[in-house]
Amino acid sequence: MILTCPSCATRYQIDGGQLSDSGAKVRCHLCSHQWHAQQADLEEEPVADPVESLRSKLKETSGDADSPGTNGRVSTILLAALLVVVSIAMILWLGRDSLVRQFPGMATFYDSLSFVDSVPGEGLLLTGVRSVSRLDEGTRTLIVEGTVENPTNSEKMLPALQIRLIDQAGEELERWVTPLPRPSLLAGEKVFFSSTLRDAPSVQTEAAIRFIEPE
C-alpha cells in the first residue's frame, strides 16, 4: 500500500496492517510534516522495483554507462555500490523478526526507523491492578499499584502511566501521570509500580490506567 505525504508528496510503501481502523499519527521523514493518516489515505498502487529505479536514474544522470572511458567506469562503480546498499537494506527489513529474536536490542533500532508513530505501551500488559484507600491522620490517601509485563519476544521501551479516578456516575474526579521505575523491559520481564494520591476523594472511585508518552 502507498501512503503519500500531503505536504511534500513523498510516497511511502507500508503494510496496510500498520494503520488501525481509527488511523495513526505519522511523520514524513523528508519534510517532518505530521498528520493523522487513515485507511482511506492508502493507495493500492505498485511500487517500482528499487534496483530498476536506481539503474534508470543512473543512466539519466551519467549518460551511456556501457560506453568506454572514465565516465562509464565511475557509473558502474556507483551502480554497484547503490545495489549493495539496497540489498543490505532489504535484508535488514525482510529479516527483522529473525534479527530481533537473536538480538533483542535491535528492537529499538527498528522502532527508530519507523515513520508511523507506535502506540505507547504497544505489546505491554497491565496486570494485578488494584486501588487501596486509607486514612492517614485524617487525610485520605489512595494507592494505585499493579504490574507491567512484556509478553513479547523483544525489548520494549516503557512509557509513563496516566491514572484517572472515575466515580460511579462516570465523571472524572482526578487525573495524574506517574513514571515507571525502569526505562525498558526485556522479553518476558515484568516490573511492579505503585502511585500515591494524597487528599483523595472520599467517594467510591475506580482507577482507569493507560500508557502515554513520557513528558
C-alpha atoms as a PDB file:
ATOM      1  CA  MET A   1       0.000   0.000   0.000  1.00  0.00           C
ATOM      2  CA  ILE A   2       1.135   3.573  -0.704  1.00  0.00           C
ATOM      3  CA  LEU A   3       0.874   6.487   1.773  1.00  0.00           C
ATOM      4  CA  THR A   4       1.581   9.973   0.401  1.00  0.00           C
ATOM      5  CA  CYS A   5       2.697  12.971   2.489  1.00  0.00           C
ATOM      6  CA  PRO A   6       0.114  15.771   1.918  1.00  0.00           C
ATOM      7  CA  SER A   7       2.840  18.408   2.369  1.00  0.00           C
ATOM      8  CA  CYS A   8       5.686  17.338   0.046  1.00  0.00           C
ATOM      9  CA  ALA A   9       4.046  14.422  -1.843  1.00  0.00           C
ATOM     10  CA  THR A  10       6.735  11.965  -0.737  1.00  0.00           C
ATOM     11  CA  ARG A  11       5.370   8.426  -1.151  1.00  0.00           C
ATOM     12  CA  TYR A  12       5.942   5.569   1.295  1.00  0.00           C
ATOM     13  CA  GLN A  13       5.274   1.863   0.886  1.00  0.00           C
ATOM     14  CA  ILE A  14       3.727   0.448   4.064  1.00  0.00           C
ATOM     15  CA  ASP A  15       1.835  -2.589   5.250  1.00  0.00           C
ATOM     16  CA  GLY A  16      -1.848  -1.713   5.464  1.00  0.00           C
ATOM     17  CA  GLY A  17      -1.992  -3.504   8.802  1.00  0.00           C
ATOM     18  CA  GLN A  18       0.166  -0.746  10.334  1.00  0.00           C
ATOM     19  CA  LEU A  19      -2.872   1.542  10.369  1.00  0.00           C
ATOM     20  CA  SER A  20      -5.729   0.652  12.704  1.00  0.00           C
ATOM     21  CA  ASP A  21      -9.356   1.397  11.836  1.00  0.00           C
ATOM     22  CA  SER A  22      -9.048   4.712  13.697  1.00  0.00           C
ATOM     23  CA  GLY A  23      -5.822   5.618  11.873  1.00  0.00           C
ATOM     24  CA  ALA A  24      -2.467   6.666  13.321  1.00  0.00           C
ATOM     25  CA  LYS A  25      -0.279   9.729  13.744  1.00  0.00           C
ATOM     26  CA  VAL A  26       2.502   9.715  11.124  1.00  0.00           C
ATOM     27  CA  ARG A  27       5.503  11.891  10.305  1.00  0.00           C
ATOM     28  CA  CYS A  28       7.226  12.436   6.962  1.00  0.00           C
ATOM     29  CA  HIS A  29      10.973  11.843   7.213  1.00  0.00           C
ATOM     30  CA  LEU A  30      11.655  14.232   4.312  1.00  0.00           C
ATOM     31  CA  CYS A  31       9.780  17.395   5.392  1.00  0.00           C
ATOM     32  CA  SER A  32       8.863  16.425   9.026  1.00  0.00           C
ATOM     33  CA  HIS A  33       5.179  17.135   8.357  1.00  0.00           C
ATOM     34  CA  GLN A  34       2.879  15.298  10.784  1.00  0.00           C
ATOM     35  CA  TRP A  35      -0.708  14.261  10.095  1.00  0.00           C
ATOM     36  CA  HIS A  36      -3.334  11.698  11.108  1.00  0.00           C
ATOM     37  CA  ALA A  37      -3.334   9.019   8.424  1.00  0.00           C
ATOM     38  CA  GLN A  38      -6.347   6.755   7.889  1.00  0.00           C
ATOM     39  CA  GLN A  39      -7.041   3.637   5.854  1.00  0.00           C
ATOM     40  CA  ALA A  40      -8.791   5.805   3.241  1.00  0.00           C
ATOM     41  CA  ASP A  41      -5.472   7.610   2.578  1.00  0.00           C
ATOM     42  CA  LEU A  42      -3.800   4.409   1.357  1.00  0.00           C
ATOM     43  CA  GLU A  43      -3.485   3.747  -2.373  1.00  0.00           C
ATOM     44  CA  GLU A  44      -3.272   0.325  -3.968  1.00  0.00           C
ATOM     45  CA  GLU A  45      -0.514   1.244  -6.378  1.00  0.00           C
ATOM     46  CA  PRO A  46       2.537  -0.911  -7.196  1.00  0.00           C
ATOM     47  CA  VAL A  47       5.934   0.463  -6.155  1.00  0.00           C
ATOM     48  CA  ALA A  48       8.673   0.438  -8.779  1.00  0.00           C
ATOM     49  CA  ASP A  49      11.437  -2.091  -8.226  1.00  0.00           C
ATOM     50  CA  PRO A  50      14.198  -0.198  -6.323  1.00  0.00           C
ATOM     51  CA  VAL A  51      17.031  -1.795  -8.309  1.00  0.00           C
ATOM     52  CA  GLU A  52      15.460  -0.865 -11.643  1.00  0.00           C
ATOM     53  CA  SER A  53      14.716   2.662 -10.399  1.00  0.00           C
ATOM     54  CA  LEU A  54      18.336   3.170  -9.357  1.00  0.00           C
ATOM     55  CA  ARG A  55      19.633   1.822 -12.669  1.00  0.00           C
ATOM     56  CA  SER A  56      17.281   4.118 -14.597  1.00  0.00           C
ATOM     57  CA  LYS A  57      18.287   7.215 -12.595  1.00  0.00           C
ATOM     58  CA  LEU A  58      21.985   6.486 -13.080  1.00  0.00           C
ATOM     59  CA  LYS A  59      21.518   6.189 -16.856  1.00  0.00           C
ATOM     60  CA  GLU A  60      19.647   9.515 -16.928  1.00  0.00           C
ATOM     61  CA  THR A  61      22.358  11.398 -14.997  1.00  0.00           C
ATOM     62  CA  SER A  62      25.529   9.787 -16.337  1.00  0.00           C
ATOM     63  CA  GLY A  63      24.615   9.015 -19.951  1.00  0.00           C
ATOM     64  CA  ASP A  64      25.570   5.703 -21.570  1.00  0.00           C
ATOM     65  CA  ALA A  65      27.182   3.702 -18.726  1.00  0.00           C
ATOM     66  CA  ASP A  66      28.225   0.983 -21.179  1.00  0.00           C
ATOM     67  CA  SER A  67      30.477   3.313 -23.206  1.00  0.00           C
ATOM     68  CA  PRO A  68      34.249   3.078 -22.662  1.00  0.00           C
ATOM     69  CA  GLY A  69      36.132   5.670 -20.615  1.00  0.00           C
ATOM     70  CA  THR A  70      36.212   7.126 -17.146  1.00  0.00           C
ATOM     71  CA  ASN A  71      32.518   8.105 -17.009  1.00  0.00           C
ATOM     72  CA  GLY A  72      31.464   4.544 -17.766  1.00  0.00           C
ATOM     73  CA  ARG A  73      33.693   3.079 -15.066  1.00  0.00           C
ATOM     74  CA  VAL A  74      32.503   5.618 -12.456  1.00  0.00           C
ATOM     75  CA  SER A  75      28.862   4.918 -13.288  1.00  0.00           C
ATOM     76  CA  THR A  76      29.421   1.174 -12.981  1.00  0.00           C
ATOM     77  CA  ILE A  77      31.090   1.595  -9.577  1.00  0.00           C
ATOM     78  CA  LEU A  78      28.280   3.858  -8.342  1.00  0.00           C
ATOM     79  CA  LEU A  79      25.643   1.441  -9.570  1.00  0.00           C
ATOM     80  CA  ALA A  80      27.362  -1.483  -7.835  1.00  0.00           C
ATOM     81  CA  ALA A  81      27.644   0.474  -4.583  1.00  0.00           C
ATOM     82  CA  LEU A  82      23.996   1.523  -4.665  1.00  0.00           C
ATOM     83  CA  LEU A  83      22.876  -2.029  -5.412  1.00  0.00           C
ATOM     84  CA  VAL A  84      24.831  -3.252  -2.361  1.00  0.00           C
ATOM     85  CA  VAL A  85      23.182  -0.625  -0.142  1.00  0.00           C
ATOM     86  CA  VAL A  86      19.708  -1.535  -1.437  1.00  0.00           C
ATOM     87  CA  SER A  87      20.391  -5.244  -0.930  1.00  0.00           C
ATOM     88  CA  ILE A  88      21.550  -4.722   2.667  1.00  0.00           C
ATOM     89  CA  ALA A  89      18.501  -2.560   3.418  1.00  0.00           C
ATOM     90  CA  MET A  90      16.152  -5.218   2.019  1.00  0.00           C
ATOM     91  CA  ILE A  91      17.862  -7.954   4.045  1.00  0.00           C
ATOM     92  CA  LEU A  92      17.587  -5.894   7.245  1.00  0.00           C
ATOM     93  CA  TRP A  93      13.913  -5.148   6.632  1.00  0.00           C
ATOM     94  CA  LEU A  94      12.755  -8.578   5.470  1.00  0.00           C
ATOM     95  CA  GLY A  95      14.731 -10.354   8.195  1.00  0.00           C
ATOM     96  CA  ARG A  96      13.752  -8.011  11.030  1.00  0.00           C
ATOM     97  CA  ASP A  97      11.780 -10.634  13.002  1.00  0.00           C
ATOM     98  CA  SER A  98      14.631 -13.129  12.941  1.00  0.00           C
ATOM     99  CA  LEU A  99      17.220 -10.477  13.841  1.00  0.00           C
ATOM    100  CA  VAL A 100      15.153  -9.149  16.759  1.00  0.00           C
ATOM    101  CA  ARG A 101      14.730 -12.668  18.136  1.00  0.00           C
ATOM    102  CA  GLN A 102      18.507 -13.225  18.040  1.00  0.00           C
ATOM    103  CA  PHE A 103      19.457  -9.700  19.131  1.00  0.00           C
ATOM    104  CA  PRO A 104      16.618  -8.165  21.263  1.00  0.00           C
ATOM    105  CA  GLY A 105      18.416  -4.829  21.439  1.00  0.00           C
ATOM    106  CA  MET A 106      17.717  -4.286  17.718  1.00  0.00           C
ATOM    107  CA  ALA A 107      14.035  -3.687  18.506  1.00  0.00           C
ATOM    108  CA  THR A 108      14.943  -0.109  19.464  1.00  0.00           C
ATOM    109  CA  PHE A 109      16.841   0.298  16.161  1.00  0.00           C
ATOM    110  CA  TYR A 110      13.841  -0.818  14.113  1.00  0.00           C
ATOM    111  CA  ASP A 111      11.474   1.394  16.138  1.00  0.00           C
ATOM    112  CA  SER A 112      13.652   4.404  15.294  1.00  0.00           C
ATOM    113  CA  LEU A 113      13.312   3.632  11.546  1.00  0.00           C
ATOM    114  CA  SER A 114       9.520   3.506  11.563  1.00  0.00           C
ATOM    115  CA  PHE A 115       7.799   6.653  10.242  1.00  0.00           C
ATOM    116  CA  VAL A 116       4.475   5.558  11.753  1.00  0.00           C
ATOM    117  CA  ASP A 117       4.379   6.554  15.412  1.00  0.00           C
ATOM    118  CA  SER A 118       3.853   3.490  17.537  1.00  0.00           C
ATOM    119  CA  VAL A 119       1.142   3.369  20.191  1.00  0.00           C
ATOM    120  CA  PRO A 120       2.594   4.000  23.685  1.00  0.00           C
ATOM    121  CA  GLY A 121       2.911   0.698  25.530  1.00  0.00           C
ATOM    122  CA  GLU A 122       2.089  -1.389  22.440  1.00  0.00           C
ATOM    123  CA  GLY A 123       2.609  -5.064  23.305  1.00  0.00           C
ATOM    124  CA  LEU A 124       2.765  -4.444  27.077  1.00  0.00           C
ATOM    125  CA  LEU A 125       0.215  -5.736  29.604  1.00  0.00           C
ATOM    126  CA  LEU A 126      -1.161  -4.244  32.828  1.00  0.00           C
ATOM    127  CA  THR A 127      -1.918  -6.967  35.377  1.00  0.00           C
ATOM    128  CA  GLY A 128      -2.861  -7.185  39.040  1.00  0.00           C
ATOM    129  CA  VAL A 129      -4.012  -3.559  39.211  1.00  0.00           C
ATOM    130  CA  ARG A 130      -5.709  -2.586  42.474  1.00  0.00           C
ATOM    131  CA  SER A 131      -6.561   0.538  44.468  1.00  0.00           C
ATOM    132  CA  VAL A 132      -6.136   0.811  48.247  1.00  0.00           C
ATOM    133  CA  SER A 133      -7.681   3.719  50.197  1.00  0.00           C
ATOM    134  CA  ARG A 134      -6.666   4.605  53.763  1.00  0.00           C
ATOM    135  CA  LEU A 135      -6.791   7.446  56.277  1.00  0.00           C
ATOM    136  CA  ASP A 136      -3.502   8.981  57.460  1.00  0.00           C
ATOM    137  CA  GLU A 137      -4.087  11.498  60.277  1.00  0.00           C
ATOM    138  CA  GLY A 138      -7.450  12.485  58.848  1.00  0.00           C
ATOM    139  CA  THR A 139      -6.192  12.702  55.257  1.00  0.00           C
ATOM    140  CA  ARG A 140      -7.452  10.137  52.748  1.00  0.00           C
ATOM    141  CA  THR A 141      -4.662   8.556  50.701  1.00  0.00           C
ATOM    142  CA  LEU A 142      -5.210   6.409  47.621  1.00  0.00           C
ATOM    143  CA  ILE A 143      -2.557   3.933  46.462  1.00  0.00           C
ATOM    144  CA  VAL A 144      -2.823   2.514  42.914  1.00  0.00           C
ATOM    145  CA  GLU A 145      -0.476  -0.382  42.182  1.00  0.00           C
ATOM    146  CA  GLY A 146       0.000  -3.224  39.743  1.00  0.00           C
ATOM    147  CA  THR A 147       2.432  -4.862  37.322  1.00  0.00           C
ATOM    148  CA  VAL A 148       3.537  -4.079  33.753  1.00  0.00           C
ATOM    149  CA  GLU A 149       4.539  -7.178  31.769  1.00  0.00           C
ATOM    150  CA  ASN A 150       6.342  -7.622  28.437  1.00  0.00           C
ATOM    151  CA  PRO A 151       4.997 -10.884  26.924  1.00  0.00           C
ATOM    152  CA  THR A 152       6.681 -10.268  23.553  1.00  0.00           C
ATOM    153  CA  ASN A 153       9.969 -11.716  22.322  1.00  0.00           C
ATOM    154  CA  SER A 154      11.746  -8.349  22.077  1.00  0.00           C
ATOM    155  CA  GLU A 155      12.775  -5.489  24.347  1.00  0.00           C
ATOM    156  CA  LYS A 156      10.116  -2.794  24.868  1.00  0.00           C
ATOM    157  CA  MET A 157      10.633   0.807  25.976  1.00  0.00           C
ATOM    158  CA  LEU A 158       8.447   1.706  28.959  1.00  0.00           C
ATOM    159  CA  PRO A 159       6.072   4.682  28.652  1.00  0.00           C
ATOM    160  CA  ALA A 160       4.517   6.607  31.558  1.00  0.00           C
ATOM    161  CA  LEU A 161       1.168   5.757  33.171  1.00  0.00           C
ATOM    162  CA  GLN A 162      -1.825   8.081  33.220  1.00  0.00           C
ATOM    163  CA  ILE A 163      -4.202   7.328  36.117  1.00  0.00           C
ATOM    164  CA  ARG A 164      -7.765   8.680  36.179  1.00  0.00           C
ATOM    165  CA  LEU A 165     -10.225   8.376  39.055  1.00  0.00           C
ATOM    166  CA  ILE A 166     -13.804   7.818  37.870  1.00  0.00           C
ATOM    167  CA  ASP A 167     -16.818   7.970  40.179  1.00  0.00           C
ATOM    168  CA  GLN A 168     -19.891   5.743  39.929  1.00  0.00           C
ATOM    169  CA  ALA A 169     -21.588   8.285  37.625  1.00  0.00           C
ATOM    170  CA  GLY A 170     -18.685   8.052  35.157  1.00  0.00           C
ATOM    171  CA  GLU A 171     -17.315  11.502  35.978  1.00  0.00           C
ATOM    172  CA  GLU A 172     -13.566  12.051  36.152  1.00  0.00           C
ATOM    173  CA  LEU A 173     -12.525  13.372  39.577  1.00  0.00           C
ATOM    174  CA  GLU A 174      -8.733  13.267  39.429  1.00  0.00           C
ATOM    175  CA  ARG A 175      -6.005  12.698  36.822  1.00  0.00           C
ATOM    176  CA  TRP A 176      -2.235  12.378  37.209  1.00  0.00           C
ATOM    177  CA  VAL A 177       0.806  10.894  35.488  1.00  0.00           C
ATOM    178  CA  THR A 178       3.325   8.579  37.123  1.00  0.00           C
ATOM    179  CA  PRO A 179       6.590   7.321  35.564  1.00  0.00           C
ATOM    180  CA  LEU A 180       7.561   3.663  35.644  1.00  0.00           C
ATOM    181  CA  PRO A 181      10.683   2.700  37.658  1.00  0.00           C
ATOM    182  CA  ARG A 182      12.633   1.395  34.642  1.00  0.00           C
ATOM    183  CA  PRO A 183      13.261   2.697  31.094  1.00  0.00           C
ATOM    184  CA  SER A 184      12.607  -0.642  29.362  1.00  0.00           C
ATOM    185  CA  LEU A 185      11.660  -4.301  29.794  1.00  0.00           C
ATOM    186  CA  LEU A 186      13.395  -7.229  28.167  1.00  0.00           C
ATOM    187  CA  ALA A 187      11.362 -10.048  26.617  1.00  0.00           C
ATOM    188  CA  GLY A 188       9.313 -11.829  29.300  1.00  0.00           C
ATOM    189  CA  GLU A 189      10.203  -9.369  32.065  1.00  0.00           C
ATOM    190  CA  LYS A 190       7.784  -7.543  34.393  1.00  0.00           C
ATOM    191  CA  VAL A 191       8.004  -4.558  36.747  1.00  0.00           C
ATOM    192  CA  PHE A 192       5.872  -3.529  39.752  1.00  0.00           C
ATOM    193  CA  PHE A 193       4.562   0.043  40.061  1.00  0.00           C
ATOM    194  CA  SER A 194       2.885   1.973  42.881  1.00  0.00           C
ATOM    195  CA  SER A 195       1.480   5.515  42.765  1.00  0.00           C
ATOM    196  CA  THR A 196       0.096   7.510  45.704  1.00  0.00           C
ATOM    197  CA  LEU A 197      -2.535  10.273  45.632  1.00  0.00           C
ATOM    198  CA  ARG A 198      -2.987  12.334  48.793  1.00  0.00           C
ATOM    199  CA  ASP A 199      -6.221  14.187  49.604  1.00  0.00           C
ATOM    200  CA  ALA A 200      -8.068  11.612  47.525  1.00  0.00           C
ATOM    201  CA  PRO A 201     -11.854  11.921  47.048  1.00  0.00           C
ATOM    202  CA  SER A 202     -13.899  10.275  49.800  1.00  0.00           C
ATOM    203  CA  VAL A 203     -16.485   8.856  47.384  1.00  0.00           C
ATOM    204  CA  GLN A 204     -16.144   5.418  45.805  1.00  0.00           C
ATOM    205  CA  THR A 205     -13.999   5.589  42.671  1.00  0.00           C
ATOM    206  CA  GLU A 206     -12.452   3.352  40.040  1.00  0.00           C
ATOM    207  CA  ALA A 207      -8.919   3.807  38.681  1.00  0.00           C
ATOM    208  CA  ALA A 208      -8.585   3.854  34.867  1.00  0.00           C
ATOM    209  CA  ILE A 209      -4.982   3.445  33.678  1.00  0.00           C
ATOM    210  CA  ARG A 210      -3.440   3.830  30.239  1.00  0.00           C
ATOM    211  CA  PHE A 211       0.054   4.148  28.743  1.00  0.00           C
ATOM    212  CA  ILE A 212       1.173   7.577  27.494  1.00  0.00           C
ATOM    213  CA  GLU A 213       4.387   9.074  26.138  1.00  0.00           C
ATOM    214  CA  PRO A 214       6.720  10.267  28.953  1.00  0.00           C
ATOM    215  CA  GLU A 215       6.733  14.020  29.393  1.00  0.00           C
END
